């Protein structure tokens, strides 16, 4: 099954409903890039009239994890995935539509190949950068993914 934004958004609605209700949507995905957007609204705001940090985190994580999911599916093997660590930097108030972009898809395949060869868990870091409608960076998230053949 080839991944598409529509399929991933349906997946989100059923498997990640809190992200879906907050407005997190996949807009683009290919082998090395994924773009996820979320608009600042009443349901996802903090007391300071900007987007709650956890909503930004959901969108950022999906921009990395969607590629991990699709590449695992492409192997046809049973492989588990999990975020082991993450960190974030918030540089500007997040209002309006925030776009999270991850360009680290090439980091996934080597880890999948190694875990299938050795049966041992592998880790790799992926970054997602959130920008507002003006193009200013509002937040940067880093996720350490672990994959392991079952």
N, C-alpha and C. Protein backbone atom coordinates (compact mmCIF):
# COMPACT_ATOMS: atom_id res chain seq x y z
N UNK A 1 0.83 -1.18 0.00
CA UNK A 1 0.00 0.00 0.00
C UNK A 1 0.88 1.25 0.00
N UNK A 2 0.69 2.11 -0.97
CA UNK A 2 1.44 3.36 -1.04
C UNK A 2 0.80 4.38 -0.10
N UNK A 3 1.62 5.03 0.66
CA UNK A 3 1.14 6.03 1.62
C UNK A 3 0.68 7.27 0.87
N UNK A 4 -0.39 7.84 1.34
CA UNK A 4 -0.88 9.10 0.79
C UNK A 4 -1.39 9.94 1.96
N UNK A 5 -1.45 11.25 1.78
CA UNK A 5 -1.99 12.08 2.86
C UNK A 5 -3.40 11.65 3.26
N UNK A 6 -4.24 11.31 2.31
CA UNK A 6 -5.61 10.91 2.63
C UNK A 6 -5.63 9.66 3.50
N UNK A 7 -4.86 8.64 3.14
CA UNK A 7 -4.81 7.40 3.92
C UNK A 7 -4.26 7.66 5.32
N UNK A 8 -3.24 8.48 5.42
CA UNK A 8 -2.65 8.78 6.72
C UNK A 8 -3.60 9.60 7.58
N UNK A 9 -4.38 10.49 6.99
CA UNK A 9 -5.34 11.27 7.76
C UNK A 9 -6.49 10.41 8.26
N UNK A 10 -6.91 9.41 7.47
CA UNK A 10 -7.93 8.46 7.95
C UNK A 10 -7.35 7.64 9.10
N UNK A 11 -6.10 7.19 8.95
CA UNK A 11 -5.40 6.47 10.02
C UNK A 11 -5.39 7.33 11.29
N UNK A 12 -5.07 8.61 11.15
CA UNK A 12 -5.02 9.51 12.30
C UNK A 12 -6.38 9.61 12.98
N UNK A 13 -7.44 9.70 12.18
CA UNK A 13 -8.78 9.84 12.74
C UNK A 13 -9.12 8.65 13.65
N UNK A 14 -8.74 7.44 13.23
CA UNK A 14 -9.10 6.26 14.00
C UNK A 14 -8.06 5.85 15.04
N UNK A 15 -6.78 6.06 14.76
CA UNK A 15 -5.73 5.58 15.66
C UNK A 15 -5.10 6.66 16.54
N UNK A 16 -5.22 7.93 16.12
CA UNK A 16 -4.69 9.06 16.89
C UNK A 16 -5.76 10.15 16.98
N UNK A 17 -6.91 9.83 17.59
CA UNK A 17 -8.03 10.77 17.53
C UNK A 17 -7.75 12.13 18.16
N UNK A 18 -6.93 12.19 19.19
CA UNK A 18 -6.66 13.50 19.80
C UNK A 18 -5.93 14.42 18.82
N UNK A 19 -5.02 13.86 18.04
CA UNK A 19 -4.34 14.66 17.02
C UNK A 19 -5.33 15.09 15.94
N UNK A 20 -6.19 14.17 15.52
CA UNK A 20 -7.16 14.48 14.47
C UNK A 20 -8.10 15.59 14.92
N UNK A 21 -8.64 15.48 16.16
CA UNK A 21 -9.57 16.50 16.65
C UNK A 21 -8.89 17.85 16.80
N UNK A 22 -7.60 17.86 17.08
CA UNK A 22 -6.87 19.13 17.20
C UNK A 22 -6.53 19.74 15.84
N UNK A 23 -6.77 19.00 14.76
CA UNK A 23 -6.55 19.55 13.42
C UNK A 23 -5.25 19.17 12.76
N UNK A 24 -4.54 18.20 13.31
CA UNK A 24 -3.27 17.75 12.73
C UNK A 24 -3.57 16.98 11.44
N UNK A 25 -2.98 17.42 10.31
CA UNK A 25 -3.24 16.78 9.02
C UNK A 25 -1.95 16.63 8.22
N UNK A 26 -1.79 15.45 7.62
CA UNK A 26 -0.67 15.22 6.70
C UNK A 26 -1.03 15.90 5.38
N UNK A 27 -0.12 16.69 4.84
CA UNK A 27 -0.35 17.39 3.57
C UNK A 27 0.46 16.80 2.42
N UNK A 28 1.63 16.21 2.76
CA UNK A 28 2.50 15.67 1.71
C UNK A 28 3.40 14.61 2.32
N UNK A 29 3.65 13.55 1.56
CA UNK A 29 4.62 12.54 2.01
C UNK A 29 5.23 11.88 0.78
N UNK A 30 6.54 11.65 0.85
CA UNK A 30 7.24 10.83 -0.14
C UNK A 30 8.34 10.08 0.59
N UNK A 31 9.32 9.58 -0.13
CA UNK A 31 10.38 8.75 0.46
C UNK A 31 11.23 9.48 1.51
N UNK A 32 11.45 10.78 1.33
CA UNK A 32 12.34 11.47 2.27
C UNK A 32 11.74 12.69 2.95
N UNK A 33 10.55 13.11 2.55
CA UNK A 33 9.94 14.31 3.12
C UNK A 33 8.51 14.05 3.57
N UNK A 34 8.12 14.73 4.64
CA UNK A 34 6.73 14.69 5.07
C UNK A 34 6.37 16.06 5.62
N UNK A 35 5.19 16.55 5.23
CA UNK A 35 4.71 17.84 5.68
C UNK A 35 3.37 17.64 6.38
N UNK A 36 3.28 18.17 7.60
CA UNK A 36 2.08 18.08 8.42
C UNK A 36 1.72 19.49 8.87
N UNK A 37 0.42 19.82 8.83
CA UNK A 37 0.00 21.14 9.26
C UNK A 37 -1.01 21.04 10.40
N UNK A 38 -1.11 22.13 11.14
CA UNK A 38 -2.12 22.27 12.17
C UNK A 38 -2.38 23.76 12.36
N UNK A 39 -3.64 24.13 12.44
CA UNK A 39 -4.02 25.53 12.61
C UNK A 39 -4.35 25.81 14.07
N UNK A 40 -3.87 26.94 14.56
CA UNK A 40 -4.19 27.37 15.92
C UNK A 40 -5.69 27.65 15.98
N UNK A 41 -6.37 26.93 16.89
CA UNK A 41 -7.82 27.08 17.10
C UNK A 41 -8.11 27.01 18.59
N UNK A 42 -9.35 27.21 18.93
CA UNK A 42 -9.75 27.18 20.34
C UNK A 42 -9.39 25.85 20.99
N UNK A 43 -9.61 24.74 20.30
CA UNK A 43 -9.42 23.41 20.89
C UNK A 43 -7.95 23.08 21.17
N UNK A 44 -7.02 23.76 20.51
CA UNK A 44 -5.61 23.42 20.71
C UNK A 44 -4.79 24.58 21.27
N UNK A 45 -5.44 25.54 21.90
CA UNK A 45 -4.71 26.69 22.41
C UNK A 45 -4.29 26.52 23.86
N UNK A 46 -3.34 27.32 24.27
CA UNK A 46 -2.91 27.39 25.65
C UNK A 46 -3.45 28.68 26.26
N UNK A 47 -3.23 28.95 27.54
CA UNK A 47 -3.77 30.18 28.15
C UNK A 47 -3.15 31.47 27.61
N UNK A 48 -2.10 31.36 26.81
CA UNK A 48 -1.39 32.53 26.29
C UNK A 48 -1.81 32.87 24.86
N UNK A 49 -2.95 32.27 24.42
CA UNK A 49 -3.51 32.52 23.09
C UNK A 49 -2.57 32.12 21.96
N UNK A 50 -1.89 31.01 22.15
CA UNK A 50 -1.10 30.41 21.08
C UNK A 50 -1.30 28.90 21.15
N UNK A 51 -0.70 28.18 20.24
CA UNK A 51 -0.89 26.73 20.17
C UNK A 51 -0.16 26.03 21.31
N UNK A 52 -0.87 25.13 21.97
CA UNK A 52 -0.31 24.33 23.06
C UNK A 52 0.88 23.53 22.55
N UNK A 53 1.93 23.45 23.34
CA UNK A 53 3.16 22.79 22.91
C UNK A 53 2.93 21.33 22.53
N UNK A 54 2.03 20.64 23.22
CA UNK A 54 1.79 19.23 22.95
C UNK A 54 1.15 19.01 21.58
N UNK A 55 0.33 19.95 21.13
CA UNK A 55 -0.26 19.86 19.80
C UNK A 55 0.83 20.02 18.75
N UNK A 56 1.74 20.93 18.99
CA UNK A 56 2.88 21.07 18.08
C UNK A 56 3.69 19.77 18.06
N UNK A 57 3.84 19.16 19.22
CA UNK A 57 4.57 17.90 19.31
C UNK A 57 3.89 16.77 18.55
N UNK A 58 2.55 16.72 18.62
CA UNK A 58 1.82 15.69 17.86
C UNK A 58 2.05 15.85 16.37
N UNK A 59 1.98 17.08 15.89
CA UNK A 59 2.17 17.33 14.46
C UNK A 59 3.61 17.03 14.04
N UNK A 60 4.56 17.44 14.87
CA UNK A 60 5.97 17.19 14.56
C UNK A 60 6.27 15.70 14.56
N UNK A 61 5.76 14.99 15.57
CA UNK A 61 6.00 13.54 15.63
C UNK A 61 5.40 12.82 14.43
N UNK A 62 4.19 13.23 14.03
CA UNK A 62 3.57 12.60 12.87
C UNK A 62 4.37 12.84 11.60
N UNK A 63 5.00 14.00 11.48
CA UNK A 63 5.80 14.27 10.27
C UNK A 63 7.01 13.35 10.17
N UNK A 64 7.49 12.84 11.31
CA UNK A 64 8.59 11.88 11.28
C UNK A 64 8.04 10.45 11.25
N UNK A 65 7.08 10.17 12.11
CA UNK A 65 6.55 8.82 12.27
C UNK A 65 5.81 8.29 11.06
N UNK A 66 5.17 9.16 10.29
CA UNK A 66 4.45 8.70 9.10
C UNK A 66 5.41 8.04 8.11
N UNK A 67 6.61 8.61 7.98
CA UNK A 67 7.60 8.00 7.08
C UNK A 67 8.11 6.68 7.64
N UNK A 68 8.28 6.60 8.96
CA UNK A 68 8.73 5.35 9.57
C UNK A 68 7.68 4.26 9.34
N UNK A 69 6.42 4.58 9.55
CA UNK A 69 5.33 3.62 9.34
C UNK A 69 5.33 3.12 7.91
N UNK A 70 5.40 4.02 6.95
CA UNK A 70 5.31 3.61 5.54
C UNK A 70 6.51 2.78 5.11
N UNK A 71 7.68 3.10 5.63
CA UNK A 71 8.87 2.32 5.26
C UNK A 71 8.86 0.95 5.93
N UNK A 72 8.32 0.85 7.13
CA UNK A 72 8.17 -0.46 7.76
C UNK A 72 7.19 -1.30 6.96
N UNK A 73 6.06 -0.72 6.57
CA UNK A 73 5.07 -1.46 5.76
C UNK A 73 5.68 -1.94 4.45
N UNK A 74 6.54 -1.14 3.86
CA UNK A 74 7.16 -1.50 2.58
C UNK A 74 8.06 -2.74 2.71
N UNK A 75 8.60 -3.00 3.90
CA UNK A 75 9.45 -4.18 4.07
C UNK A 75 8.64 -5.47 4.08
N UNK A 76 7.37 -5.37 4.47
CA UNK A 76 6.54 -6.56 4.59
C UNK A 76 6.87 -7.41 5.82
N UNK A 77 7.73 -6.90 6.68
CA UNK A 77 8.16 -7.62 7.89
C UNK A 77 7.51 -6.99 9.12
N UNK A 78 7.50 -7.76 10.21
CA UNK A 78 7.00 -7.25 11.47
C UNK A 78 8.13 -6.54 12.21
N UNK A 79 7.98 -5.23 12.32
CA UNK A 79 8.98 -4.40 12.97
C UNK A 79 8.25 -3.44 13.90
N UNK A 80 8.71 -3.35 15.14
CA UNK A 80 8.10 -2.41 16.08
C UNK A 80 8.83 -1.08 16.00
N UNK A 81 8.11 -0.02 16.35
CA UNK A 81 8.69 1.32 16.35
C UNK A 81 8.24 2.06 17.60
N UNK A 82 9.11 2.90 18.12
CA UNK A 82 8.80 3.63 19.34
C UNK A 82 9.71 4.85 19.44
N UNK A 83 9.17 5.94 19.97
CA UNK A 83 10.01 7.10 20.27
C UNK A 83 10.71 6.84 21.60
N UNK A 84 12.03 6.88 21.59
CA UNK A 84 12.82 6.66 22.81
C UNK A 84 13.13 7.97 23.53
N UNK A 85 13.38 9.01 22.76
CA UNK A 85 13.71 10.33 23.32
C UNK A 85 13.19 11.41 22.39
N UNK A 86 12.99 12.58 22.95
CA UNK A 86 12.72 13.73 22.11
C UNK A 86 13.11 14.99 22.86
N UNK A 87 13.34 16.04 22.10
CA UNK A 87 13.58 17.35 22.68
C UNK A 87 13.01 18.39 21.72
N UNK A 88 12.75 19.55 22.25
CA UNK A 88 12.14 20.59 21.43
C UNK A 88 12.65 21.96 21.85
N UNK A 89 12.61 22.88 20.90
CA UNK A 89 12.95 24.27 21.13
C UNK A 89 11.81 25.12 20.58
N UNK A 90 11.34 26.05 21.37
CA UNK A 90 10.24 26.92 20.96
C UNK A 90 10.80 28.33 20.82
N UNK A 91 10.75 28.88 19.61
CA UNK A 91 11.40 30.14 19.34
C UNK A 91 10.45 31.30 19.09
N UNK A 92 9.17 31.01 18.88
CA UNK A 92 8.20 32.07 18.61
C UNK A 92 6.81 31.56 18.95
N UNK A 93 5.90 32.46 19.29
CA UNK A 93 4.51 32.11 19.58
C UNK A 93 3.89 31.48 18.34
N UNK A 94 3.23 30.33 18.52
CA UNK A 94 2.64 29.59 17.39
C UNK A 94 1.18 30.00 17.23
N UNK A 95 0.91 30.81 16.22
CA UNK A 95 -0.45 31.21 15.88
C UNK A 95 -0.64 31.05 14.38
N UNK A 96 -1.90 30.94 13.96
CA UNK A 96 -2.18 30.71 12.54
C UNK A 96 -1.90 29.26 12.18
N UNK A 97 -1.65 29.00 10.89
CA UNK A 97 -1.34 27.65 10.42
C UNK A 97 0.16 27.39 10.59
N UNK A 98 0.48 26.32 11.30
CA UNK A 98 1.87 25.93 11.51
C UNK A 98 2.15 24.70 10.64
N UNK A 99 3.24 24.75 9.92
CA UNK A 99 3.63 23.66 9.01
C UNK A 99 4.89 23.00 9.54
N UNK A 100 4.80 21.70 9.81
CA UNK A 100 5.94 20.92 10.28
C UNK A 100 6.50 20.12 9.12
N UNK A 101 7.79 20.29 8.88
CA UNK A 101 8.45 19.63 7.76
C UNK A 101 9.60 18.77 8.27
N UNK A 102 9.61 17.51 7.84
CA UNK A 102 10.71 16.60 8.13
C UNK A 102 11.32 16.17 6.81
N UNK A 103 12.63 16.31 6.68
CA UNK A 103 13.35 15.92 5.47
C UNK A 103 14.36 14.80 5.74
N UNK A 104 14.09 13.97 6.75
CA UNK A 104 15.06 12.96 7.19
C UNK A 104 14.68 11.53 6.83
N UNK A 105 13.86 11.34 5.82
CA UNK A 105 13.40 10.00 5.46
C UNK A 105 14.49 9.01 5.13
N UNK A 106 15.61 9.52 4.65
CA UNK A 106 16.71 8.61 4.27
C UNK A 106 17.36 7.94 5.47
N UNK A 107 17.14 8.45 6.66
CA UNK A 107 17.75 7.86 7.86
C UNK A 107 17.06 6.55 8.29
N UNK A 108 15.87 6.30 7.79
CA UNK A 108 15.08 5.17 8.25
C UNK A 108 15.56 3.85 7.66
N UNK A 109 15.85 3.83 6.38
CA UNK A 109 16.14 2.58 5.68
C UNK A 109 17.34 1.83 6.23
N UNK A 110 18.38 2.54 6.59
CA UNK A 110 19.58 1.88 7.13
C UNK A 110 19.26 1.19 8.46
N UNK A 111 18.49 1.86 9.31
CA UNK A 111 18.11 1.26 10.59
C UNK A 111 17.23 0.04 10.39
N UNK A 112 16.31 0.11 9.43
CA UNK A 112 15.45 -1.06 9.15
C UNK A 112 16.28 -2.23 8.61
N UNK A 113 17.22 -1.93 7.72
CA UNK A 113 18.07 -2.98 7.17
C UNK A 113 18.88 -3.66 8.28
N UNK A 114 19.45 -2.86 9.18
CA UNK A 114 20.27 -3.41 10.25
C UNK A 114 19.44 -4.25 11.23
N UNK A 115 18.25 -3.78 11.58
CA UNK A 115 17.44 -4.55 12.52
C UNK A 115 16.96 -5.85 11.90
N UNK A 116 16.69 -5.86 10.60
CA UNK A 116 16.29 -7.11 9.94
C UNK A 116 17.46 -8.08 9.83
N UNK A 117 18.68 -7.57 9.63
CA UNK A 117 19.86 -8.42 9.53
C UNK A 117 20.27 -9.00 10.88
N UNK A 118 20.25 -8.17 11.92
CA UNK A 118 20.79 -8.57 13.22
C UNK A 118 19.73 -8.98 14.23
N UNK A 119 18.49 -8.50 14.05
CA UNK A 119 17.45 -8.75 15.03
C UNK A 119 17.55 -7.84 16.25
N UNK A 120 18.55 -6.98 16.25
CA UNK A 120 18.74 -6.05 17.35
C UNK A 120 18.06 -4.72 17.06
N UNK A 121 17.67 -4.02 18.12
CA UNK A 121 17.06 -2.71 17.96
C UNK A 121 18.04 -1.70 17.41
N UNK A 122 17.53 -0.77 16.65
CA UNK A 122 18.34 0.29 16.07
C UNK A 122 17.69 1.63 16.41
N UNK A 123 18.51 2.66 16.55
CA UNK A 123 17.98 4.00 16.84
C UNK A 123 18.47 4.99 15.80
N UNK A 124 17.69 6.02 15.59
CA UNK A 124 18.08 7.11 14.69
C UNK A 124 17.27 8.34 15.06
N UNK A 125 17.84 9.51 14.80
CA UNK A 125 17.20 10.78 15.12
C UNK A 125 16.61 11.39 13.86
N UNK A 126 15.44 11.99 14.02
CA UNK A 126 14.79 12.73 12.93
C UNK A 126 14.35 14.09 13.48
N UNK A 127 14.40 15.11 12.63
CA UNK A 127 14.04 16.46 13.04
C UNK A 127 12.84 16.96 12.25
N UNK A 128 11.98 17.69 12.92
CA UNK A 128 10.84 18.34 12.30
C UNK A 128 10.84 19.81 12.70
N UNK A 129 10.75 20.68 11.71
CA UNK A 129 10.79 22.12 11.95
C UNK A 129 9.42 22.71 11.67
N UNK A 130 8.88 23.43 12.64
CA UNK A 130 7.58 24.08 12.50
C UNK A 130 7.73 25.54 12.13
N UNK A 131 7.06 25.94 11.06
CA UNK A 131 7.11 27.34 10.61
C UNK A 131 5.69 27.90 10.54
N UNK A 132 5.58 29.20 10.75
CA UNK A 132 4.28 29.85 10.65
C UNK A 132 4.03 30.29 9.21
N UNK A 133 2.93 31.00 9.00
CA UNK A 133 2.54 31.41 7.64
C UNK A 133 3.51 32.42 7.03
N UNK A 134 4.28 33.11 7.86
CA UNK A 134 5.28 34.05 7.36
C UNK A 134 6.60 33.36 7.03
N UNK A 135 6.72 32.08 7.40
CA UNK A 135 7.96 31.35 7.18
C UNK A 135 8.91 31.39 8.36
N UNK A 136 8.49 32.00 9.46
CA UNK A 136 9.34 32.06 10.65
C UNK A 136 9.27 30.74 11.40
N UNK A 137 10.40 30.28 11.90
CA UNK A 137 10.45 29.05 12.70
C UNK A 137 9.83 29.33 14.06
N UNK A 138 8.84 28.51 14.43
CA UNK A 138 8.21 28.64 15.75
C UNK A 138 8.68 27.56 16.71
N UNK A 139 9.02 26.38 16.18
CA UNK A 139 9.51 25.30 17.03
C UNK A 139 10.30 24.28 16.20
N UNK A 140 11.20 23.62 16.88
CA UNK A 140 12.00 22.56 16.27
C UNK A 140 11.98 21.36 17.20
N UNK A 141 11.57 20.22 16.67
CA UNK A 141 11.48 18.99 17.45
C UNK A 141 12.46 17.96 16.91
N UNK A 142 13.10 17.23 17.81
CA UNK A 142 13.96 16.11 17.46
C UNK A 142 13.42 14.86 18.14
N UNK A 143 13.31 13.79 17.37
CA UNK A 143 12.79 12.53 17.88
C UNK A 143 13.80 11.42 17.64
N UNK A 144 14.10 10.66 18.70
CA UNK A 144 14.93 9.48 18.56
C UNK A 144 14.00 8.28 18.43
N UNK A 145 13.95 7.71 17.24
CA UNK A 145 13.11 6.54 16.97
C UNK A 145 13.91 5.27 17.19
N UNK A 146 13.24 4.26 17.72
CA UNK A 146 13.84 2.93 17.80
C UNK A 146 12.99 1.99 16.96
N UNK A 147 13.67 1.12 16.24
CA UNK A 147 12.99 0.07 15.47
C UNK A 147 13.62 -1.26 15.83
N UNK A 148 12.79 -2.31 15.85
CA UNK A 148 13.29 -3.64 16.22
C UNK A 148 12.44 -4.68 15.51
N UNK A 149 13.13 -5.64 14.89
CA UNK A 149 12.42 -6.75 14.24
C UNK A 149 11.78 -7.61 15.32
N UNK A 150 10.54 -8.00 15.06
CA UNK A 150 9.82 -8.84 16.03
C UNK A 150 10.11 -10.31 15.79
